[in-house]
Amino acid sequence: MQQLLQQAQNMQQQMAVAQQELAETEVTGTAGGGLVTATVTGGGELKGIVIDPKVVDPDDVDTLADLVVAAVRDANRAAQELVEAKLGPLASGGLGGLLG
């Protein structure tokens, strides 16, 4: 039983470290062939948007808005992949792996 508790504590510590690393890791997403780039953390925090001046058209704000949304979605997808890659081994092992 003591070994089981120690394994659970070790997993909890590994999870905390992984979550901290994710919160500090930045990933990017793009849209429009790189005309708009969004940067988010592995924790999902939007850190920045870069917009190429070529895409700024005062008469077509809707396209720019769509590109920004697409870039943020792409960045969030990349962040989710990072989370799955980082936490996948911990999450799949879980307590079920210890108890099963």
PDB file of N, CA and C in Angstrom:
ATOM      1  N   MET A   1       0.828  -1.191   0.000  1.00  0.00           N
ATOM      2  CA  MET A   1       0.000   0.000   0.000  1.00  0.00           C
ATOM      3  C   MET A   1       0.877   1.260   0.000  1.00  0.00           C
ATOM      4  N   GLN A   2       1.953   1.208   0.783  1.00  0.00           N
ATOM      5  CA  GLN A   2       2.872   2.352   0.857  1.00  0.00           C
ATOM      6  C   GLN A   2       3.481   2.632  -0.513  1.00  0.00           C
ATOM      7  N   GLN A   3       3.818   1.585  -1.236  1.00  0.00           N
ATOM      8  CA  GLN A   3       4.400   1.738  -2.572  1.00  0.00           C
ATOM      9  C   GLN A   3       3.392   2.383  -3.518  1.00  0.00           C
ATOM     10  N   LEU A   4       2.150   1.995  -3.400  1.00  0.00           N
ATOM     11  CA  LEU A   4       1.093   2.562  -4.227  1.00  0.00           C
ATOM     12  C   LEU A   4       0.942   4.054  -3.963  1.00  0.00           C
ATOM     13  N   LEU A   5       0.956   4.442  -2.702  1.00  0.00           N
ATOM     14  CA  LEU A   5       0.865   5.863  -2.349  1.00  0.00           C
ATOM     15  C   LEU A   5       2.070   6.642  -2.862  1.00  0.00           C
ATOM     16  N   GLN A   6       3.245   6.056  -2.784  1.00  0.00           N
ATOM     17  CA  GLN A   6       4.458   6.712  -3.283  1.00  0.00           C
ATOM     18  C   GLN A   6       4.383   6.906  -4.786  1.00  0.00           C
ATOM     19  N   GLN A   7       3.879   5.884  -5.506  1.00  0.00           N
ATOM     20  CA  GLN A   7       3.736   6.002  -6.953  1.00  0.00           C
ATOM     21  C   GLN A   7       2.738   7.106  -7.306  1.00  0.00           C
ATOM     22  N   ALA A   8       1.657   7.189  -6.544  1.00  0.00           N
ATOM     23  CA  ALA A   8       0.654   8.236  -6.790  1.00  0.00           C
ATOM     24  C   ALA A   8       1.250   9.619  -6.536  1.00  0.00           C
ATOM     25  N   GLN A   9       2.030   9.766  -5.490  1.00  0.00           N
ATOM     26  CA  GLN A   9       2.682  11.051  -5.206  1.00  0.00           C
ATOM     27  C   GLN A   9       3.675  11.408  -6.309  1.00  0.00           C
ATOM     28  N   ASN A  10       4.425  10.439  -6.793  1.00  0.00           N
ATOM     29  CA  ASN A  10       5.377  10.691  -7.874  1.00  0.00           C
ATOM     30  C   ASN A  10       4.658  11.150  -9.133  1.00  0.00           C
ATOM     31  N   MET A  11       3.539  10.487  -9.448  1.00  0.00           N
ATOM     32  CA  MET A  11       2.766  10.885 -10.627  1.00  0.00           C
ATOM     33  C   MET A  11       2.219  12.301 -10.458  1.00  0.00           C
ATOM     34  N   GLN A  12       1.765  12.629  -9.259  1.00  0.00           N
ATOM     35  CA  GLN A  12       1.230  13.964  -8.996  1.00  0.00           C
ATOM     36  C   GLN A  12       2.324  15.014  -9.198  1.00  0.00           C
ATOM     37  N   GLN A  13       3.525  14.736  -8.738  1.00  0.00           N
ATOM     38  CA  GLN A  13       4.640  15.657  -8.921  1.00  0.00           C
ATOM     39  C   GLN A  13       4.997  15.794 -10.399  1.00  0.00           C
ATOM     40  N   GLN A  14       5.022  14.685 -11.123  1.00  0.00           N
ATOM     41  CA  GLN A  14       5.323  14.721 -12.550  1.00  0.00           C
ATOM     42  C   GLN A  14       4.263  15.535 -13.294  1.00  0.00           C
ATOM     43  N   MET A  15       3.011  15.380 -12.916  1.00  0.00           N
ATOM     44  CA  MET A  15       1.922  16.109 -13.550  1.00  0.00           C
ATOM     45  C   MET A  15       2.070  17.606 -13.286  1.00  0.00           C
ATOM     46  N   ALA A  16       2.417  17.988 -12.060  1.00  0.00           N
ATOM     47  CA  ALA A  16       2.590  19.404 -11.727  1.00  0.00           C
ATOM     48  C   ALA A  16       3.733  20.015 -12.535  1.00  0.00           C
ATOM     49  N   VAL A  17       4.828  19.289 -12.663  1.00  0.00           N
ATOM     50  CA  VAL A  17       5.966  19.776 -13.448  1.00  0.00           C
ATOM     51  C   VAL A  17       5.565  19.919 -14.913  1.00  0.00           C
ATOM     52  N   ALA A  18       4.871  18.926 -15.445  1.00  0.00           N
ATOM     53  CA  ALA A  18       4.449  18.964 -16.847  1.00  0.00           C
ATOM     54  C   ALA A  18       3.495  20.128 -17.095  1.00  0.00           C
ATOM     55  N   GLN A  19       2.570  20.365 -16.169  1.00  0.00           N
ATOM     56  CA  GLN A  19       1.625  21.469 -16.334  1.00  0.00           C
ATOM     57  C   GLN A  19       2.344  22.812 -16.301  1.00  0.00           C
ATOM     58  N   GLN A  20       3.336  22.952 -15.443  1.00  0.00           N
ATOM     59  CA  GLN A  20       4.113  24.191 -15.386  1.00  0.00           C
ATOM     60  C   GLN A  20       4.877  24.402 -16.690  1.00  0.00           C
ATOM     61  N   GLU A  21       5.474  23.332 -17.204  1.00  0.00           N
ATOM     62  CA  GLU A  21       6.201  23.429 -18.472  1.00  0.00           C
ATOM     63  C   GLU A  21       5.255  23.817 -19.603  1.00  0.00           C
ATOM     64  N   LEU A  22       4.053  23.258 -19.610  1.00  0.00           N
ATOM     65  CA  LEU A  22       3.071  23.604 -20.638  1.00  0.00           C
ATOM     66  C   LEU A  22       2.684  25.072 -20.553  1.00  0.00           C
ATOM     67  N   ALA A  23       2.508  25.572 -19.340  1.00  0.00           N
ATOM     68  CA  ALA A  23       2.112  26.967 -19.162  1.00  0.00           C
ATOM     69  C   ALA A  23       3.190  27.918 -19.678  1.00  0.00           C
ATOM     70  N   GLU A  24       4.432  27.466 -19.693  1.00  0.00           N
ATOM     71  CA  GLU A  24       5.541  28.313 -20.125  1.00  0.00           C
ATOM     72  C   GLU A  24       5.912  28.110 -21.594  1.00  0.00           C
ATOM     73  N   THR A  25       5.420  27.055 -22.216  1.00  0.00           N
ATOM     74  CA  THR A  25       5.769  26.744 -23.599  1.00  0.00           C
ATOM     75  C   THR A  25       4.815  27.450 -24.550  1.00  0.00           C
ATOM     76  N   GLU A  26       5.366  28.109 -25.559  1.00  0.00           N
ATOM     77  CA  GLU A  26       4.548  28.805 -26.543  1.00  0.00           C
ATOM     78  C   GLU A  26       4.554  28.058 -27.866  1.00  0.00           C
ATOM     79  N   VAL A  27       3.380  28.037 -28.505  1.00  0.00           N
ATOM     80  CA  VAL A  27       3.236  27.453 -29.835  1.00  0.00           C
ATOM     81  C   VAL A  27       2.538  28.477 -30.718  1.00  0.00           C
ATOM     82  N   THR A  28       2.715  28.333 -32.026  1.00  0.00           N
ATOM     83  CA  THR A  28       2.095  29.279 -32.943  1.00  0.00           C
ATOM     84  C   THR A  28       1.161  28.572 -33.901  1.00  0.00           C
ATOM     85  N   GLY A  29       0.238  29.357 -34.414  1.00  0.00           N
ATOM     86  CA  GLY A  29      -0.661  28.903 -35.457  1.00  0.00           C
ATOM     87  C   GLY A  29      -0.720  29.994 -36.506  1.00  0.00           C
ATOM     88  N   THR A  30      -0.981  29.608 -37.733  1.00  0.00           N
ATOM     89  CA  THR A  30      -1.016  30.595 -38.809  1.00  0.00           C
ATOM     90  C   THR A  30      -2.275  30.438 -39.645  1.00  0.00           C
ATOM     91  N   ALA A  31      -2.549  31.495 -40.414  1.00  0.00           N
ATOM     92  CA  ALA A  31      -3.656  31.469 -41.369  1.00  0.00           C
ATOM     93  C   ALA A  31      -3.266  32.337 -42.549  1.00  0.00           C
ATOM     94  N   GLY A  32      -3.911  32.087 -43.666  1.00  0.00           N
ATOM     95  CA  GLY A  32      -3.643  32.889 -44.860  1.00  0.00           C
ATOM     96  C   GLY A  32      -2.226  32.747 -45.354  1.00  0.00           C
ATOM     97  N   GLY A  33      -1.687  31.541 -45.238  1.00  0.00           N
ATOM     98  CA  GLY A  33      -0.324  31.325 -45.708  1.00  0.00           C
ATOM     99  C   GLY A  33       0.712  32.111 -44.917  1.00  0.00           C
ATOM    100  N   GLY A  34       0.428  32.332 -43.638  1.00  0.00           N
ATOM    101  CA  GLY A  34       1.371  33.047 -42.780  1.00  0.00           C
ATOM    102  C   GLY A  34       1.089  34.537 -42.655  1.00  0.00           C
ATOM    103  N   LEU A  35      -0.003  35.003 -43.249  1.00  0.00           N
ATOM    104  CA  LEU A  35      -0.336  36.433 -43.150  1.00  0.00           C
ATOM    105  C   LEU A  35      -0.738  36.821 -41.733  1.00  0.00           C
ATOM    106  N   VAL A  36      -1.295  35.864 -40.991  1.00  0.00           N
ATOM    107  CA  VAL A  36      -1.655  36.098 -39.595  1.00  0.00           C
ATOM    108  C   VAL A  36      -1.070  34.958 -38.775  1.00  0.00           C
ATOM    109  N   THR A  37      -0.386  35.312 -37.698  1.00  0.00           N
ATOM    110  CA  THR A  37       0.206  34.331 -36.804  1.00  0.00           C
ATOM    111  C   THR A  37      -0.273  34.610 -35.384  1.00  0.00           C
ATOM    112  N   ALA A  38      -0.723  33.553 -34.712  1.00  0.00           N
ATOM    113  CA  ALA A  38      -1.153  33.654 -33.316  1.00  0.00           C
ATOM    114  C   ALA A  38      -0.215  32.809 -32.465  1.00  0.00           C
ATOM    115  N   THR A  39       0.103  33.308 -31.297  1.00  0.00           N
ATOM    116  CA  THR A  39       0.948  32.586 -30.356  1.00  0.00           C
ATOM    117  C   THR A  39       0.153  32.344 -29.083  1.00  0.00           C
ATOM    118  N   VAL A  40       0.119  31.078 -28.646  1.00  0.00           N
ATOM    119  CA  VAL A  40      -0.551  30.719 -27.400  1.00  0.00           C
ATOM    120  C   VAL A  40       0.389  29.842 -26.579  1.00  0.00           C
ATOM    121  N   THR A  41       0.103  29.762 -25.283  1.00  0.00           N
ATOM    122  CA  THR A  41       0.864  28.854 -24.430  1.00  0.00           C
ATOM    123  C   THR A  41       0.216  27.487 -24.466  1.00  0.00           C
ATOM    124  N   GLY A  42       0.937  26.515 -23.980  1.00  0.00           N
ATOM    125  CA  GLY A  42       0.379  25.180 -23.861  1.00  0.00           C
ATOM    126  C   GLY A  42      -0.830  25.145 -22.943  1.00  0.00           C
ATOM    127  N   GLY A  43      -0.940  26.159 -22.084  1.00  0.00           N
ATOM    128  CA  GLY A  43      -2.095  26.278 -21.204  1.00  0.00           C
ATOM    129  C   GLY A  43      -3.264  26.992 -21.851  1.00  0.00           C
ATOM    130  N   GLY A  44      -3.095  27.428 -23.105  1.00  0.00           N
ATOM    131  CA  GLY A  44      -4.185  28.055 -23.835  1.00  0.00           C
ATOM    132  C   GLY A  44      -4.254  29.572 -23.736  1.00  0.00           C
ATOM    133  N   GLU A  45      -3.274  30.202 -23.119  1.00  0.00           N
ATOM    134  CA  GLU A  45      -3.277  31.660 -23.006  1.00  0.00           C
ATOM    135  C   GLU A  45      -2.783  32.290 -24.305  1.00  0.00           C
ATOM    136  N   LEU A  46      -3.590  33.185 -24.871  1.00  0.00           N
ATOM    137  CA  LEU A  46      -3.191  33.897 -26.084  1.00  0.00           C
ATOM    138  C   LEU A  46      -2.133  34.928 -25.712  1.00  0.00           C
ATOM    139  N   LYS A  47      -0.956  34.806 -26.334  1.00  0.00           N
ATOM    140  CA  LYS A  47       0.162  35.692 -26.012  1.00  0.00           C
ATOM    141  C   LYS A  47       0.358  36.798 -27.035  1.00  0.00           C
ATOM    142  N   GLY A  48      -0.033  36.552 -28.287  1.00  0.00           N
ATOM    143  CA  GLY A  48       0.177  37.582 -29.287  1.00  0.00           C
ATOM    144  C   GLY A  48      -0.386  37.221 -30.632  1.00  0.00           C
ATOM    145  N   ILE A  49      -0.599  38.271 -31.424  1.00  0.00           N
ATOM    146  CA  ILE A  49      -1.067  38.137 -32.808  1.00  0.00           C
ATOM    147  C   ILE A  49      -0.151  39.003 -33.667  1.00  0.00           C
ATOM    148  N   VAL A  50       0.323  38.458 -34.772  1.00  0.00           N
ATOM    149  CA  VAL A  50       1.109  39.220 -35.731  1.00  0.00           C
ATOM    150  C   VAL A  50       0.330  39.222 -37.040  1.00  0.00           C
ATOM    151  N   ILE A  51       0.104  40.427 -37.582  1.00  0.00           N
ATOM    152  CA  ILE A  51      -0.669  40.575 -38.810  1.00  0.00           C
ATOM    153  C   ILE A  51       0.207  41.251 -39.858  1.00  0.00           C
ATOM    154  N   ASP A  52       0.383  40.575 -40.984  1.00  0.00           N
ATOM    155  CA  ASP A  52       1.135  41.147 -42.094  1.00  0.00           C
ATOM    156  C   ASP A  52       0.332  42.325 -42.650  1.00  0.00           C
ATOM    157  N   PRO A  53       0.952  43.490 -42.811  1.00  0.00           N
ATOM    158  CA  PRO A  53       0.235  44.673 -43.322  1.00  0.00           C
ATOM    159  C   PRO A  53      -0.459  44.434 -44.668  1.00  0.00           C
ATOM    160  N   LYS A  54       0.016  43.462 -45.457  1.00  0.00           N
ATOM    161  CA  LYS A  54      -0.603  43.188 -46.758  1.00  0.00           C
ATOM    162  C   LYS A  54      -2.063  42.764 -46.626  1.00  0.00           C
ATOM    163  N   VAL A  55      -2.427  42.195 -45.482  1.00  0.00           N
ATOM    164  CA  VAL A  55      -3.783  41.674 -45.323  1.00  0.00           C
ATOM    165  C   VAL A  55      -4.742  42.723 -44.742  1.00  0.00           C
ATOM    166  N   VAL A  56      -4.212  43.860 -44.358  1.00  0.00           N
ATOM    167  CA  VAL A  56      -5.051  44.908 -43.760  1.00  0.00           C
ATOM    168  C   VAL A  56      -5.695  45.735 -44.870  1.00  0.00           C
ATOM    169  N   ASP A  57      -7.001  45.563 -44.999  1.00  0.00           N
ATOM    170  CA  ASP A  57      -7.783  46.284 -45.994  1.00  0.00           C
ATOM    171  C   ASP A  57      -8.994  46.877 -45.276  1.00  0.00           C
ATOM    172  N   PRO A  58      -9.032  48.205 -45.124  1.00  0.00           N
ATOM    173  CA  PRO A  58     -10.150  48.814 -44.395  1.00  0.00           C
ATOM    174  C   PRO A  58     -11.517  48.490 -44.997  1.00  0.00           C
ATOM    175  N   ASP A  59     -11.551  48.134 -46.260  1.00  0.00           N
ATOM    176  CA  ASP A  59     -12.822  47.810 -46.905  1.00  0.00           C
ATOM    177  C   ASP A  59     -13.199  46.335 -46.758  1.00  0.00           C
ATOM    178  N   ASP A  60     -12.302  45.535 -46.156  1.00  0.00           N
ATOM    179  CA  ASP A  60     -12.573  44.109 -45.999  1.00  0.00           C
ATOM    180  C   ASP A  60     -12.100  43.631 -44.618  1.00  0.00           C
ATOM    181  N   VAL A  61     -12.695  44.188 -43.595  1.00  0.00           N
ATOM    182  CA  VAL A  61     -12.324  43.833 -42.224  1.00  0.00           C
ATOM    183  C   VAL A  61     -12.735  42.396 -41.893  1.00  0.00           C
ATOM    184  N   ASP A  62     -13.794  41.912 -42.524  1.00  0.00           N
ATOM    185  CA  ASP A  62     -14.273  40.555 -42.247  1.00  0.00           C
ATOM    186  C   ASP A  62     -13.228  39.499 -42.576  1.00  0.00           C
ATOM    187  N   THR A  63     -12.518  39.663 -43.672  1.00  0.00           N
ATOM    188  CA  THR A  63     -11.482  38.692 -44.033  1.00  0.00           C
ATOM    189  C   THR A  63     -10.376  38.688 -42.991  1.00  0.00           C
ATOM    190  N   LEU A  64      -9.976  39.862 -42.533  1.00  0.00           N
ATOM    191  CA  LEU A  64      -8.939  39.945 -41.505  1.00  0.00           C
ATOM    192  C   LEU A  64      -9.412  39.253 -40.224  1.00  0.00           C
ATOM    193  N   ALA A  65     -10.650  39.525 -39.841  1.00  0.00           N
ATOM    194  CA  ALA A  65     -11.192  38.888 -38.637  1.00  0.00           C
ATOM    195  C   ALA A  65     -11.197  37.369 -38.793  1.00  0.00           C
ATOM    196  N   ASP A  66     -11.594  36.879 -39.954  1.00  0.00           N
ATOM    197  CA  ASP A  66     -11.608  35.434 -40.204  1.00  0.00           C
ATOM    198  C   ASP A  66     -10.206  34.841 -40.114  1.00  0.00           C
ATOM    199  N   LEU A  67      -9.217  35.553 -40.640  1.00  0.00           N
ATOM    200  CA  LEU A  67      -7.833  35.072 -40.581  1.00  0.00           C
ATOM    201  C   LEU A  67      -7.330  35.029 -39.135  1.00  0.00           C
ATOM    202  N   VAL A  68      -7.693  36.028 -38.343  1.00  0.00           N
ATOM    203  CA  VAL A  68      -7.279  36.042 -36.935  1.00  0.00           C
ATOM    204  C   VAL A  68      -7.898  34.850 -36.204  1.00  0.00           C
ATOM    205  N   VAL A  69      -9.177  34.629 -36.404  1.00  0.00           N
ATOM    206  CA  VAL A  69      -9.850  33.494 -35.765  1.00  0.00           C
ATOM    207  C   VAL A  69      -9.197  32.176 -36.203  1.00  0.00           C
ATOM    208  N   ALA A  70      -8.923  32.045 -37.482  1.00  0.00           N
ATOM    209  CA  ALA A  70      -8.307  30.819 -37.990  1.00  0.00           C
ATOM    210  C   ALA A  70      -6.910  30.611 -37.397  1.00  0.00           C
ATOM    211  N   ALA A  71      -6.141  31.677 -37.267  1.00  0.00           N
ATOM    212  CA  ALA A  71      -4.795  31.562 -36.698  1.00  0.00           C
ATOM    213  C   ALA A  71      -4.863  31.163 -35.228  1.00  0.00           C
ATOM    214  N   VAL A  72      -5.797  31.735 -34.487  1.00  0.00           N
ATOM    215  CA  VAL A  72      -5.943  31.381 -33.067  1.00  0.00           C
ATOM    216  C   VAL A  72      -6.391  29.926 -32.940  1.00  0.00           C
ATOM    217  N   ARG A  73      -7.306  29.500 -33.779  1.00  0.00           N
ATOM    218  CA  ARG A  73      -7.738  28.097 -33.754  1.00  0.00           C
ATOM    219  C   ARG A  73      -6.570  27.163 -34.064  1.00  0.00           C
ATOM    220  N   ASP A  74      -5.759  27.537 -35.036  1.00  0.00           N
ATOM    221  CA  ASP A  74      -4.605  26.719 -35.400  1.00  0.00           C
ATOM    222  C   ASP A  74      -3.616  26.649 -34.235  1.00  0.00           C
ATOM    223  N   ALA A  75      -3.401  27.778 -33.574  1.00  0.00           N
ATOM    224  CA  ALA A  75      -2.495  27.797 -32.427  1.00  0.00           C
ATOM    225  C   ALA A  75      -3.054  26.954 -31.284  1.00  0.00           C
ATOM    226  N   ASN A  76      -4.363  27.041 -31.044  1.00  0.00           N
ATOM    227  CA  ASN A  76      -4.972  26.227 -29.992  1.00  0.00           C
ATOM    228  C   ASN A  76      -4.886  24.742 -30.308  1.00  0.00           C
ATOM    229  N   ARG A  77      -5.005  24.387 -31.586  1.00  0.00           N
ATOM    230  CA  ARG A  77      -4.838  22.995 -31.995  1.00  0.00           C
ATOM    231  C   ARG A  77      -3.423  22.523 -31.685  1.00  0.00           C
ATOM    232  N   ALA A  78      -2.445  23.385 -32.002  1.00  0.00           N
ATOM    233  CA  ALA A  78      -1.047  23.045 -31.723  1.00  0.00           C
ATOM    234  C   ALA A  78      -0.818  22.917 -30.219  1.00  0.00           C
ATOM    235  N   ALA A  79      -1.453  23.782 -29.441  1.00  0.00           N
ATOM    236  CA  ALA A  79      -1.326  23.709 -27.982  1.00  0.00           C
ATOM    237  C   ALA A  79      -1.931  22.408 -27.466  1.00  0.00           C
ATOM    238  N   GLN A  80      -3.077  22.003 -28.009  1.00  0.00           N
ATOM    239  CA  GLN A  80      -3.708  20.755 -27.585  1.00  0.00           C
ATOM    240  C   GLN A  80      -2.828  19.559 -27.922  1.00  0.00           C
ATOM    241  N   GLU A  81      -2.199  19.587 -29.081  1.00  0.00           N
ATOM    242  CA  GLU A  81      -1.280  18.506 -29.445  1.00  0.00           C
ATOM    243  C   GLU A  81      -0.102  18.462 -28.478  1.00  0.00           C
ATOM    244  N   LEU A  82       0.375  19.638 -28.070  1.00  0.00           N
ATOM    245  CA  LEU A  82       1.467  19.712 -27.105  1.00  0.00           C
ATOM    246  C   LEU A  82       1.040  19.106 -25.771  1.00  0.00           C
ATOM    247  N   VAL A  83      -0.163  19.451 -25.324  1.00  0.00           N
ATOM    248  CA  VAL A  83      -0.685  18.911 -24.068  1.00  0.00           C
ATOM    249  C   VAL A  83      -0.779  17.393 -24.152  1.00  0.00           C
ATOM    250  N   GLU A  84      -1.329  16.897 -25.240  1.00  0.00           N
ATOM    251  CA  GLU A  84      -1.468  15.450 -25.392  1.00  0.00           C
ATOM    252  C   GLU A  84      -0.110  14.759 -25.422  1.00  0.00           C
ATOM    253  N   ALA A  85       0.856  15.388 -26.084  1.00  0.00           N
ATOM    254  CA  ALA A  85       2.192  14.798 -26.152  1.00  0.00           C
ATOM    255  C   ALA A  85       2.864  14.818 -24.783  1.00  0.00           C
ATOM    256  N   LYS A  86       2.656  15.896 -24.047  1.00  0.00           N
ATOM    257  CA  LYS A  86       3.324  16.059 -22.757  1.00  0.00           C
ATOM    258  C   LYS A  86       2.648  15.247 -21.659  1.00  0.00           C
ATOM    259  N   LEU A  87       1.330  15.293 -21.619  1.00  0.00           N
ATOM    260  CA  LEU A  87       0.602  14.640 -20.534  1.00  0.00           C
ATOM    261  C   LEU A  87       0.107  13.242 -20.905  1.00  0.00           C
ATOM    262  N   GLY A  88       0.154  12.910 -22.180  1.00  0.00           N
ATOM    263  CA  GLY A  88      -0.337  11.614 -22.614  1.00  0.00           C
ATOM    264  C   GLY A  88       0.216  10.451 -21.810  1.00  0.00           C
ATOM    265  N   PRO A  89       1.538  10.364 -21.656  1.00  0.00           N
ATOM    266  CA  PRO A  89       2.089   9.247 -20.884  1.00  0.00           C
ATOM    267  C   PRO A  89       1.614   9.262 -19.432  1.00  0.00           C
ATOM    268  N   LEU A  90       1.481  10.448 -18.853  1.00  0.00           N
ATOM    269  CA  LEU A  90       1.021  10.525 -17.460  1.00  0.00           C
ATOM    270  C   LEU A  90      -0.465  10.211 -17.361  1.00  0.00           C
ATOM    271  N   ALA A  91      -1.232  10.768 -18.292  1.00  0.00           N
ATOM    272  CA  ALA A  91      -2.674  10.587 -18.252  1.00  0.00           C
ATOM    273  C   ALA A  91      -3.050   9.135 -18.554  1.00  0.00           C
ATOM    274  N   SER A  92      -2.370   8.523 -19.520  1.00  0.00           N
ATOM    275  CA  SER A  92      -2.732   7.157 -19.871  1.00  0.00           C
ATOM    276  C   SER A  92      -2.311   6.167 -18.799  1.00  0.00           C
ATOM    277  N   GLY A  93      -1.232   6.478 -18.075  1.00  0.00           N
ATOM    278  CA  GLY A  93      -0.810   5.613 -16.980  1.00  0.00           C
ATOM    279  C   GLY A  93      -1.772   5.739 -15.824  1.00  0.00           C
ATOM    280  N   GLY A  94      -2.095   6.978 -15.480  1.00  0.00           N
ATOM    281  CA  GLY A  94      -3.067   7.298 -14.447  1.00  0.00           C
ATOM    282  C   GLY A  94      -3.059   6.382 -13.245  1.00  0.00           C
ATOM    283  N   LEU A  95      -3.954   6.596 -12.349  1.00  0.00           N
ATOM    284  CA  LEU A  95      -4.085   5.716 -11.194  1.00  0.00           C
ATOM    285  C   LEU A  95      -4.601   4.355 -11.615  1.00  0.00           C
ATOM    286  N   GLY A  96      -5.343   4.311 -12.736  1.00  0.00           N
ATOM    287  CA  GLY A  96      -5.801   3.023 -13.237  1.00  0.00           C
ATOM    288  C   GLY A  96      -4.637   2.101 -13.530  1.00  0.00           C
ATOM    289  N   GLY A  97      -3.549   2.686 -14.064  1.00  0.00           N
ATOM    290  CA  GLY A  97      -2.360   1.896 -14.339  1.00  0.00           C
ATOM    291  C   GLY A  97      -1.702   1.397 -13.065  1.00  0.00           C
ATOM    292  N   LEU A  98      -1.830   2.179 -11.989  1.00  0.00           N
ATOM    293  CA  LEU A  98      -1.258   1.760 -10.721  1.00  0.00           C
ATOM    294  C   LEU A  98      -2.120   0.711 -10.031  1.00  0.00           C
ATOM    295  N   LEU A  99      -3.423   0.901 -10.181  1.00  0.00           N
ATOM    296  CA  LEU A  99      -4.331   0.007  -9.473  1.00  0.00           C
ATOM    297  C   LEU A  99      -4.679  -1.225 -10.275  1.00  0.00           C
ATOM    298  N   GLY A 100      -4.563  -1.117 -11.622  1.00  0.00           N
ATOM    299  CA  GLY A 100      -5.010  -2.214 -12.472  1.00  0.00           C
ATOM    300  C   GLY A 100      -3.945  -3.228 -12.618  1.00  0.00           C
TER     301      GLY A 100
END
